């Protein structure tokens, strides 16, 4: 694989896409057309950059000159309908109106043959260009995605595996901090994570098959699951994180049939 010169920008206090969670942008200094850039970003990171608020755009402007080009691809494209849409199309990924954020250099472009968007390195404003043009590009990398849709634990696990990678495994204090911040944006009182209990083995384990070394149980949050109903109920108790703005992200045990928001991870843990 060709070694690319990539500038990584870490905004550890940036509040968008659900909450204040460390996130990264990667300026890739190799010319590709929009589709090639999108494919590269999805393979190496999460997607082409989504820019969903003014604060985020201003933070990026000062770094764009490092790309060494007047224009740089971002993840906005005009598809079969006249509406412009982000490459990262999962609606559950955005707060209200974030997916509609736009900063065109002039009026929204109307040209039929210029269906992909670029950011101007001089001022950060956006223009449309032919998707076959080749330019440097910005990738976006986000490890955790809060899905504000209530599902059972099994349904949440299936959703994460279909759309991302899996339910999140909280294996360190660092990941716990990220999960706590993500959970603050939930619409349910608790948020599913990938923790389950095995009555057969007699211990808790993560959905990715790791045993639990780090934990953050609430007082009396970890109670002994009832295993008297047989092995078919061995995973009937699973782990969730307390949500809410004042929450500490403490863990509790709940029946897997409850319907809650949940947190997916976008990379194998």
C-alpha atoms as a PDB file:
ATOM      1  CA  UNK A   1       0.000   0.000   0.000  1.00  0.00           C
ATOM      2  CA  UNK A   2       1.364   3.414  -0.895  1.00  0.00           C
ATOM      3  CA  UNK A   3       2.493   5.386   2.136  1.00  0.00           C
ATOM      4  CA  UNK A   4       0.441   8.568   2.299  1.00  0.00           C
ATOM      5  CA  UNK A   5       1.331  11.772   4.088  1.00  0.00           C
ATOM      6  CA  UNK A   6      -1.492  12.282   6.565  1.00  0.00           C
ATOM      7  CA  UNK A   7      -1.996  15.120   9.022  1.00  0.00           C
ATOM      8  CA  UNK A   8      -4.049  14.058  12.042  1.00  0.00           C
ATOM      9  CA  UNK A   9      -6.073  16.652  13.925  1.00  0.00           C
ATOM     10  CA  UNK A  10      -7.435  15.710  17.352  1.00  0.00           C
ATOM     11  CA  UNK A  11     -10.194  17.872  18.836  1.00  0.00           C
ATOM     12  CA  UNK A  12     -10.610  16.430  22.313  1.00  0.00           C
ATOM     13  CA  UNK A  13     -13.183  18.953  23.471  1.00  0.00           C
ATOM     14  CA  UNK A  14     -15.319  19.226  20.356  1.00  0.00           C
ATOM     15  CA  UNK A  15     -19.061  19.086  21.047  1.00  0.00           C
ATOM     16  CA  UNK A  16     -20.986  17.665  18.115  1.00  0.00           C
ATOM     17  CA  UNK A  17     -22.283  14.386  16.744  1.00  0.00           C
ATOM     18  CA  UNK A  18     -24.082  13.586  19.996  1.00  0.00           C
ATOM     19  CA  UNK A  19     -21.663  14.814  22.672  1.00  0.00           C
ATOM     20  CA  UNK A  20     -18.130  15.902  23.603  1.00  0.00           C
ATOM     21  CA  UNK A  21     -16.061  12.894  22.623  1.00  0.00           C
ATOM     22  CA  UNK A  22     -12.508  12.877  21.240  1.00  0.00           C
ATOM     23  CA  UNK A  23     -12.593  12.683  17.477  1.00  0.00           C
ATOM     24  CA  UNK A  24     -10.089  12.912  14.675  1.00  0.00           C
ATOM     25  CA  UNK A  25      -9.853  14.425  11.222  1.00  0.00           C
ATOM     26  CA  UNK A  26      -7.199  13.196   8.815  1.00  0.00           C
ATOM     27  CA  UNK A  27      -6.002  15.369   5.927  1.00  0.00           C
ATOM     28  CA  UNK A  28      -4.778  12.992   3.223  1.00  0.00           C
ATOM     29  CA  UNK A  29      -2.310  14.681   0.878  1.00  0.00           C
ATOM     30  CA  UNK A  30      -2.882  12.474  -2.142  1.00  0.00           C
ATOM     31  CA  UNK A  31      -5.097  13.400  -5.079  1.00  0.00           C
ATOM     32  CA  UNK A  32      -8.114  11.128  -5.582  1.00  0.00           C
ATOM     33  CA  UNK A  33     -11.528  11.585  -7.138  1.00  0.00           C
ATOM     34  CA  UNK A  34     -14.471  11.855  -4.715  1.00  0.00           C
ATOM     35  CA  UNK A  35     -15.472   8.182  -4.924  1.00  0.00           C
ATOM     36  CA  UNK A  36     -11.887   6.994  -4.433  1.00  0.00           C
ATOM     37  CA  UNK A  37     -11.519   9.355  -1.476  1.00  0.00           C
ATOM     38  CA  UNK A  38     -14.746   8.078   0.051  1.00  0.00           C
ATOM     39  CA  UNK A  39     -13.612   4.461  -0.364  1.00  0.00           C
ATOM     40  CA  UNK A  40     -10.242   5.201   1.218  1.00  0.00           C
ATOM     41  CA  UNK A  41     -11.814   6.960   4.211  1.00  0.00           C
ATOM     42  CA  UNK A  42     -14.269   4.105   4.812  1.00  0.00           C
ATOM     43  CA  UNK A  43     -11.500   1.523   4.629  1.00  0.00           C
ATOM     44  CA  UNK A  44      -8.994   3.372   6.804  1.00  0.00           C
ATOM     45  CA  UNK A  45     -11.194   5.495   9.079  1.00  0.00           C
ATOM     46  CA  UNK A  46     -14.973   6.090   9.366  1.00  0.00           C
ATOM     47  CA  UNK A  47     -15.921   8.160   6.296  1.00  0.00           C
ATOM     48  CA  UNK A  48     -15.220  11.331   4.357  1.00  0.00           C
ATOM     49  CA  UNK A  49     -15.432  14.316   6.697  1.00  0.00           C
ATOM     50  CA  UNK A  50     -18.835  15.429   7.919  1.00  0.00           C
ATOM     51  CA  UNK A  51     -18.861  19.091   9.026  1.00  0.00           C
ATOM     52  CA  UNK A  52     -22.008  19.765  10.966  1.00  0.00           C
ATOM     53  CA  UNK A  53     -21.561  23.033  12.867  1.00  0.00           C
ATOM     54  CA  UNK A  54     -19.820  26.381  12.581  1.00  0.00           C
ATOM     55  CA  UNK A  55     -17.427  25.816  15.465  1.00  0.00           C
ATOM     56  CA  UNK A  56     -16.124  22.653  13.864  1.00  0.00           C
ATOM     57  CA  UNK A  57     -15.634  24.337  10.507  1.00  0.00           C
ATOM     58  CA  UNK A  58     -13.648  27.207  12.034  1.00  0.00           C
ATOM     59  CA  UNK A  59     -11.360  24.766  13.806  1.00  0.00           C
ATOM     60  CA  UNK A  60     -10.599  23.082  10.496  1.00  0.00           C
ATOM     61  CA  UNK A  61      -9.927  26.217   8.449  1.00  0.00           C
ATOM     62  CA  UNK A  62      -6.529  26.911  10.022  1.00  0.00           C
ATOM     63  CA  UNK A  63      -5.294  23.432   9.082  1.00  0.00           C
ATOM     64  CA  UNK A  64      -6.448  23.257   5.472  1.00  0.00           C
ATOM     65  CA  UNK A  65      -3.358  24.961   4.040  1.00  0.00           C
ATOM     66  CA  UNK A  66      -1.386  21.872   5.043  1.00  0.00           C
ATOM     67  CA  UNK A  67      -3.120  20.007   2.225  1.00  0.00           C
ATOM     68  CA  UNK A  68      -1.140  22.060  -0.289  1.00  0.00           C
ATOM     69  CA  UNK A  69      -4.157  22.654  -2.548  1.00  0.00           C
ATOM     70  CA  UNK A  70      -6.791  25.336  -3.048  1.00  0.00           C
ATOM     71  CA  UNK A  71      -9.655  22.865  -2.610  1.00  0.00           C
ATOM     72  CA  UNK A  72     -10.095  19.662  -0.635  1.00  0.00           C
ATOM     73  CA  UNK A  73     -12.859  17.027  -0.793  1.00  0.00           C
ATOM     74  CA  UNK A  74     -15.414  16.736   2.036  1.00  0.00           C
ATOM     75  CA  UNK A  75     -18.197  14.163   2.324  1.00  0.00           C
ATOM     76  CA  UNK A  76     -21.126  16.148   0.866  1.00  0.00           C
ATOM     77  CA  UNK A  77     -22.634  14.973  -2.420  1.00  0.00           C
ATOM     78  CA  UNK A  78     -25.734  15.627  -4.515  1.00  0.00           C
ATOM     79  CA  UNK A  79     -27.291  12.262  -5.240  1.00  0.00           C
ATOM     80  CA  UNK A  80     -30.281  11.231  -7.360  1.00  0.00           C
ATOM     81  CA  UNK A  81     -32.487  13.839  -5.700  1.00  0.00           C
ATOM     82  CA  UNK A  82     -31.618  17.563  -5.793  1.00  0.00           C
ATOM     83  CA  UNK A  83     -30.822  17.385  -2.074  1.00  0.00           C
ATOM     84  CA  UNK A  84     -27.210  17.378  -0.898  1.00  0.00           C
ATOM     85  CA  UNK A  85     -26.406  14.593   1.556  1.00  0.00           C
ATOM     86  CA  UNK A  86     -23.419  13.587   3.661  1.00  0.00           C
ATOM     87  CA  UNK A  87     -21.550  10.408   2.859  1.00  0.00           C
ATOM     88  CA  UNK A  88     -22.114   9.387   6.486  1.00  0.00           C
ATOM     89  CA  UNK A  89     -25.864   8.967   6.009  1.00  0.00           C
ATOM     90  CA  UNK A  90     -26.918   7.329   9.302  1.00  0.00           C
ATOM     91  CA  UNK A  91     -29.532   9.773  10.637  1.00  0.00           C
ATOM     92  CA  UNK A  92     -29.080   8.461  14.191  1.00  0.00           C
ATOM     93  CA  UNK A  93     -25.543   9.853  14.098  1.00  0.00           C
ATOM     94  CA  UNK A  94     -26.647  13.519  14.161  1.00  0.00           C
ATOM     95  CA  UNK A  95     -28.326  15.885  16.550  1.00  0.00           C
ATOM     96  CA  UNK A  96     -31.317  17.851  15.285  1.00  0.00           C
ATOM     97  CA  UNK A  97     -30.409  19.989  12.229  1.00  0.00           C
ATOM     98  CA  UNK A  98     -26.724  18.904  12.253  1.00  0.00           C
ATOM     99  CA  UNK A  99     -27.120  16.910   9.049  1.00  0.00           C
ATOM    100  CA  UNK A 100     -28.479  20.063   7.375  1.00  0.00           C
ATOM    101  CA  UNK A 101     -25.528  22.327   8.209  1.00  0.00           C
ATOM    102  CA  UNK A 102     -24.188  24.030   5.060  1.00  0.00           C
ATOM    103  CA  UNK A 103     -21.619  26.764   4.389  1.00  0.00           C
ATOM    104  CA  UNK A 104     -21.671  27.369   0.638  1.00  0.00           C
ATOM    105  CA  UNK A 105     -19.388  30.047  -0.810  1.00  0.00           C
ATOM    106  CA  UNK A 106     -22.440  31.493  -2.597  1.00  0.00           C
ATOM    107  CA  UNK A 107     -25.937  30.127  -3.253  1.00  0.00           C
ATOM    108  CA  UNK A 108     -26.379  26.333  -3.171  1.00  0.00           C
ATOM    109  CA  UNK A 109     -24.901  25.033  -6.450  1.00  0.00           C
ATOM    110  CA  UNK A 110     -27.285  23.979  -9.198  1.00  0.00           C
ATOM    111  CA  UNK A 111     -24.925  22.615 -11.860  1.00  0.00           C
ATOM    112  CA  UNK A 112     -25.951  19.137 -12.995  1.00  0.00           C
ATOM    113  CA  UNK A 113     -22.384  17.947 -13.548  1.00  0.00           C
ATOM    114  CA  UNK A 114     -20.854  19.272 -10.312  1.00  0.00           C
ATOM    115  CA  UNK A 115     -22.295  16.942  -7.707  1.00  0.00           C
ATOM    116  CA  UNK A 116     -19.482  16.702  -5.146  1.00  0.00           C
ATOM    117  CA  UNK A 117     -18.375  19.291  -2.619  1.00  0.00           C
ATOM    118  CA  UNK A 118     -15.006  20.768  -1.727  1.00  0.00           C
ATOM    119  CA  UNK A 119     -13.809  23.069   1.029  1.00  0.00           C
ATOM    120  CA  UNK A 120     -11.788  26.152   0.107  1.00  0.00           C
ATOM    121  CA  UNK A 121      -8.524  26.190   2.026  1.00  0.00           C
ATOM    122  CA  UNK A 122      -8.479  30.007   2.141  1.00  0.00           C
ATOM    123  CA  UNK A 123     -11.731  30.481   4.052  1.00  0.00           C
ATOM    124  CA  UNK A 124     -13.303  27.078   4.685  1.00  0.00           C
ATOM    125  CA  UNK A 125     -16.368  27.761   2.548  1.00  0.00           C
ATOM    126  CA  UNK A 126     -17.743  25.151   0.204  1.00  0.00           C
ATOM    127  CA  UNK A 127     -18.077  24.841  -3.576  1.00  0.00           C
ATOM    128  CA  UNK A 128     -19.212  22.080  -5.904  1.00  0.00           C
ATOM    129  CA  UNK A 129     -16.913  20.272  -8.334  1.00  0.00           C
ATOM    130  CA  UNK A 130     -17.087  17.380 -10.768  1.00  0.00           C
ATOM    131  CA  UNK A 131     -16.812  14.142  -8.811  1.00  0.00           C
ATOM    132  CA  UNK A 132     -14.179  12.837 -11.219  1.00  0.00           C
ATOM    133  CA  UNK A 133     -11.736  15.655 -10.425  1.00  0.00           C
ATOM    134  CA  UNK A 134      -8.802  14.622  -8.249  1.00  0.00           C
ATOM    135  CA  UNK A 135      -7.953  16.454  -5.020  1.00  0.00           C
ATOM    136  CA  UNK A 136      -6.661  15.882  -1.483  1.00  0.00           C
ATOM    137  CA  UNK A 137      -9.381  15.025   1.032  1.00  0.00           C
ATOM    138  CA  UNK A 138     -10.372  14.930   4.696  1.00  0.00           C
ATOM    139  CA  UNK A 139     -11.333  11.715   6.466  1.00  0.00           C
ATOM    140  CA  UNK A 140     -13.272  11.567   9.696  1.00  0.00           C
ATOM    141  CA  UNK A 141     -12.737   9.004  12.450  1.00  0.00           C
ATOM    142  CA  UNK A 142     -15.216   8.441  15.263  1.00  0.00           C
ATOM    143  CA  UNK A 143     -14.939   5.392  17.473  1.00  0.00           C
ATOM    144  CA  UNK A 144     -18.372   5.506  19.126  1.00  0.00           C
ATOM    145  CA  UNK A 145     -21.855   6.153  17.773  1.00  0.00           C
ATOM    146  CA  UNK A 146     -24.871   6.758  20.027  1.00  0.00           C
ATOM    147  CA  UNK A 147     -28.053   5.463  18.384  1.00  0.00           C
ATOM    148  CA  UNK A 148     -31.121   7.260  19.784  1.00  0.00           C
ATOM    149  CA  UNK A 149     -33.541   4.495  18.974  1.00  0.00           C
ATOM    150  CA  UNK A 150     -34.980   2.177  21.626  1.00  0.00           C
ATOM    151  CA  UNK A 151     -34.221  -1.493  21.015  1.00  0.00           C
ATOM    152  CA  UNK A 152     -33.804  -4.636  23.089  1.00  0.00           C
ATOM    153  CA  UNK A 153     -30.230  -5.697  23.788  1.00  0.00           C
ATOM    154  CA  UNK A 154     -30.342  -8.363  21.059  1.00  0.00           C
ATOM    155  CA  UNK A 155     -31.846  -5.910  18.549  1.00  0.00           C
ATOM    156  CA  UNK A 156     -29.176  -3.333  19.446  1.00  0.00           C
ATOM    157  CA  UNK A 157     -26.397  -5.864  18.977  1.00  0.00           C
ATOM    158  CA  UNK A 158     -27.755  -6.849  15.548  1.00  0.00           C
ATOM    159  CA  UNK A 159     -28.081  -3.183  14.526  1.00  0.00           C
ATOM    160  CA  UNK A 160     -24.482  -2.401  15.525  1.00  0.00           C
ATOM    161  CA  UNK A 161     -23.145  -5.431  13.685  1.00  0.00           C
ATOM    162  CA  UNK A 162     -25.105  -4.545  10.560  1.00  0.00           C
ATOM    163  CA  UNK A 163     -24.349  -0.805  10.463  1.00  0.00           C
ATOM    164  CA  UNK A 164     -21.063  -0.489  12.357  1.00  0.00           C
ATOM    165  CA  UNK A 165     -19.012  -3.206  14.123  1.00  0.00           C
ATOM    166  CA  UNK A 166     -20.559  -4.170  17.468  1.00  0.00           C
ATOM    167  CA  UNK A 167     -21.954  -2.902  20.759  1.00  0.00           C
ATOM    168  CA  UNK A 168     -19.218  -1.066  22.634  1.00  0.00           C
ATOM    169  CA  UNK A 169     -16.963  -2.971  25.030  1.00  0.00           C
ATOM    170  CA  UNK A 170     -15.788  -0.761  27.908  1.00  0.00           C
ATOM    171  CA  UNK A 171     -12.401  -2.297  28.645  1.00  0.00           C
ATOM    172  CA  UNK A 172     -10.588   0.726  30.082  1.00  0.00           C
ATOM    173  CA  UNK A 173     -11.152   3.960  31.974  1.00  0.00           C
ATOM    174  CA  UNK A 174     -10.412   5.893  28.766  1.00  0.00           C
ATOM    175  CA  UNK A 175     -13.214   4.160  26.876  1.00  0.00           C
ATOM    176  CA  UNK A 176     -15.451   4.603  29.940  1.00  0.00           C
ATOM    177  CA  UNK A 177     -14.992   8.390  29.740  1.00  0.00           C
ATOM    178  CA  UNK A 178     -15.985   8.377  26.079  1.00  0.00           C
ATOM    179  CA  UNK A 179     -19.027   6.185  26.757  1.00  0.00           C
ATOM    180  CA  UNK A 180     -20.122   8.401  29.655  1.00  0.00           C
ATOM    181  CA  UNK A 181     -20.057  11.475  27.418  1.00  0.00           C
ATOM    182  CA  UNK A 182     -21.899   9.708  24.606  1.00  0.00           C
ATOM    183  CA  UNK A 183     -24.572   8.477  27.039  1.00  0.00           C
ATOM    184  CA  UNK A 184     -25.371  12.050  28.109  1.00  0.00           C
ATOM    185  CA  UNK A 185     -27.058  12.589  24.737  1.00  0.00           C
ATOM    186  CA  UNK A 186     -29.389   9.589  25.076  1.00  0.00           C
ATOM    187  CA  UNK A 187     -33.176   9.817  25.117  1.00  0.00           C
ATOM    188  CA  UNK A 188     -33.478   6.787  27.421  1.00  0.00           C
ATOM    189  CA  UNK A 189     -32.508   6.558  31.108  1.00  0.00           C
ATOM    190  CA  UNK A 190     -29.889   3.912  30.341  1.00  0.00           C
ATOM    191  CA  UNK A 191     -27.858   2.935  27.295  1.00  0.00           C
ATOM    192  CA  UNK A 192     -26.930  -0.579  26.205  1.00  0.00           C
ATOM    193  CA  UNK A 193     -23.298  -1.671  25.972  1.00  0.00           C
ATOM    194  CA  UNK A 194     -21.957  -5.063  24.941  1.00  0.00           C
ATOM    195  CA  UNK A 195     -21.869  -6.632  28.413  1.00  0.00           C
ATOM    196  CA  UNK A 196     -23.613  -9.900  29.275  1.00  0.00           C
ATOM    197  CA  UNK A 197     -23.590 -12.550  32.000  1.00  0.00           C
ATOM    198  CA  UNK A 198     -23.116 -16.278  31.534  1.00  0.00           C
ATOM    199  CA  UNK A 199     -24.894 -18.434  34.074  1.00  0.00           C
ATOM    200  CA  UNK A 200     -23.099 -21.470  32.703  1.00  0.00           C
ATOM    201  CA  UNK A 201     -19.633 -19.963  33.229  1.00  0.00           C
ATOM    202  CA  UNK A 202     -20.605 -17.815  36.191  1.00  0.00           C
ATOM    203  CA  UNK A 203     -19.085 -14.499  35.093  1.00  0.00           C
ATOM    204  CA  UNK A 204     -19.627 -11.340  33.057  1.00  0.00           C
ATOM    205  CA  UNK A 205     -18.012 -10.968  29.636  1.00  0.00           C
ATOM    206  CA  UNK A 206     -18.015  -8.579  26.705  1.00  0.00           C
ATOM    207  CA  UNK A 207     -19.788  -9.169  23.418  1.00  0.00           C
ATOM    208  CA  UNK A 208     -16.377  -9.428  21.713  1.00  0.00           C
ATOM    209  CA  UNK A 209     -15.596 -12.416  24.021  1.00  0.00           C
ATOM    210  CA  UNK A 210     -13.229 -10.476  26.327  1.00  0.00           C
ATOM    211  CA  UNK A 211     -13.548 -11.050  30.064  1.00  0.00           C
ATOM    212  CA  UNK A 212     -14.259  -8.068  32.305  1.00  0.00           C
ATOM    213  CA  UNK A 213     -11.097  -6.617  33.847  1.00  0.00           C
ATOM    214  CA  UNK A 214     -12.178  -2.963  34.133  1.00  0.00           C
ATOM    215  CA  UNK A 215     -15.627  -2.158  35.605  1.00  0.00           C
ATOM    216  CA  UNK A 216     -17.661   0.851  36.752  1.00  0.00           C
ATOM    217  CA  UNK A 217     -20.666  -0.678  38.524  1.00  0.00           C
ATOM    218  CA  UNK A 218     -23.062   1.607  40.374  1.00  0.00           C
ATOM    219  CA  UNK A 219     -23.597   0.819  44.080  1.00  0.00           C
ATOM    220  CA  UNK A 220     -25.743  -2.330  44.055  1.00  0.00           C
ATOM    221  CA  UNK A 221     -25.693  -2.127  40.258  1.00  0.00           C
ATOM    222  CA  UNK A 222     -24.097  -5.543  39.946  1.00  0.00           C
ATOM    223  CA  UNK A 223     -26.421  -8.097  41.504  1.00  0.00           C
ATOM    224  CA  UNK A 224     -26.264 -11.825  41.069  1.00  0.00           C
ATOM    225  CA  UNK A 225     -28.397 -12.794  38.048  1.00  0.00           C
ATOM    226  CA  UNK A 226     -31.127 -15.372  38.639  1.00  0.00           C
ATOM    227  CA  UNK A 227     -29.840 -18.500  36.924  1.00  0.00           C
ATOM    228  CA  UNK A 228     -32.528 -20.829  38.252  1.00  0.00           C
ATOM    229  CA  UNK A 229     -34.549 -20.846  35.009  1.00  0.00           C
ATOM    230  CA  UNK A 230     -32.058 -22.936  33.046  1.00  0.00           C
ATOM    231  CA  UNK A 231     -29.271 -22.275  30.609  1.00  0.00           C
ATOM    232  CA  UNK A 232     -31.642 -20.872  28.002  1.00  0.00           C
ATOM    233  CA  UNK A 233     -31.810 -17.736  30.184  1.00  0.00           C
ATOM    234  CA  UNK A 234     -28.074 -17.448  30.777  1.00  0.00           C
ATOM    235  CA  UNK A 235     -27.861 -14.113  28.921  1.00  0.00           C
ATOM    236  CA  UNK A 236     -31.154 -12.726  30.228  1.00  0.00           C
ATOM    237  CA  UNK A 237     -29.217 -10.133  32.256  1.00  0.00           C
ATOM    238  CA  UNK A 238     -26.998  -7.696  30.423  1.00  0.00           C
ATOM    239  CA  UNK A 239     -25.175  -4.454  31.181  1.00  0.00           C
ATOM    240  CA  UNK A 240     -26.251  -0.856  30.587  1.00  0.00           C
ATOM    241  CA  UNK A 241     -24.819   2.610  31.334  1.00  0.00           C
ATOM    242  CA  UNK A 242     -26.694   5.307  33.206  1.00  0.00           C
ATOM    243  CA  UNK A 243     -27.364   8.281  30.939  1.00  0.00           C
ATOM    244  CA  UNK A 244     -28.245  11.913  31.646  1.00  0.00           C
ATOM    245  CA  UNK A 245     -26.261  15.123  31.870  1.00  0.00           C
ATOM    246  CA  UNK A 246     -25.300  14.575  35.514  1.00  0.00           C
ATOM    247  CA  UNK A 247     -24.562  10.898  35.172  1.00  0.00           C
ATOM    248  CA  UNK A 248     -21.229   9.256  35.898  1.00  0.00           C
ATOM    249  CA  UNK A 249     -21.807   6.553  33.344  1.00  0.00           C
ATOM    250  CA  UNK A 250     -22.196   3.931  36.051  1.00  0.00           C
ATOM    251  CA  UNK A 251     -23.178   0.416  35.041  1.00  0.00           C
ATOM    252  CA  UNK A 252     -26.320  -1.449  35.999  1.00  0.00           C
ATOM    253  CA  UNK A 253     -27.709  -4.891  35.246  1.00  0.00           C
ATOM    254  CA  UNK A 254     -31.013  -4.961  33.341  1.00  0.00           C
ATOM    255  CA  UNK A 255     -33.189  -7.529  31.553  1.00  0.00           C
ATOM    256  CA  UNK A 256     -32.181  -7.746  27.904  1.00  0.00           C
ATOM    257  CA  UNK A 257     -35.842  -7.317  26.870  1.00  0.00           C
ATOM    258  CA  UNK A 258     -35.929  -3.660  27.955  1.00  0.00           C
ATOM    259  CA  UNK A 259     -35.764  -1.183  25.084  1.00  0.00           C
ATOM    260  CA  UNK A 260     -33.029   1.449  25.302  1.00  0.00           C
ATOM    261  CA  UNK A 261     -30.726   3.635  23.236  1.00  0.00           C
ATOM    262  CA  UNK A 262     -27.336   2.032  22.630  1.00  0.00           C
ATOM    263  CA  UNK A 263     -23.717   2.745  21.718  1.00  0.00           C
ATOM    264  CA  UNK A 264     -21.996   1.090  18.759  1.00  0.00           C
ATOM    265  CA  UNK A 265     -18.279   0.981  18.081  1.00  0.00           C
ATOM    266  CA  UNK A 266     -17.010   1.625  14.573  1.00  0.00           C
ATOM    267  CA  UNK A 267     -13.857  -0.463  14.901  1.00  0.00           C
ATOM    268  CA  UNK A 268     -12.951  -3.889  16.260  1.00  0.00           C
ATOM    269  CA  UNK A 269     -11.916  -3.649  19.905  1.00  0.00           C
END
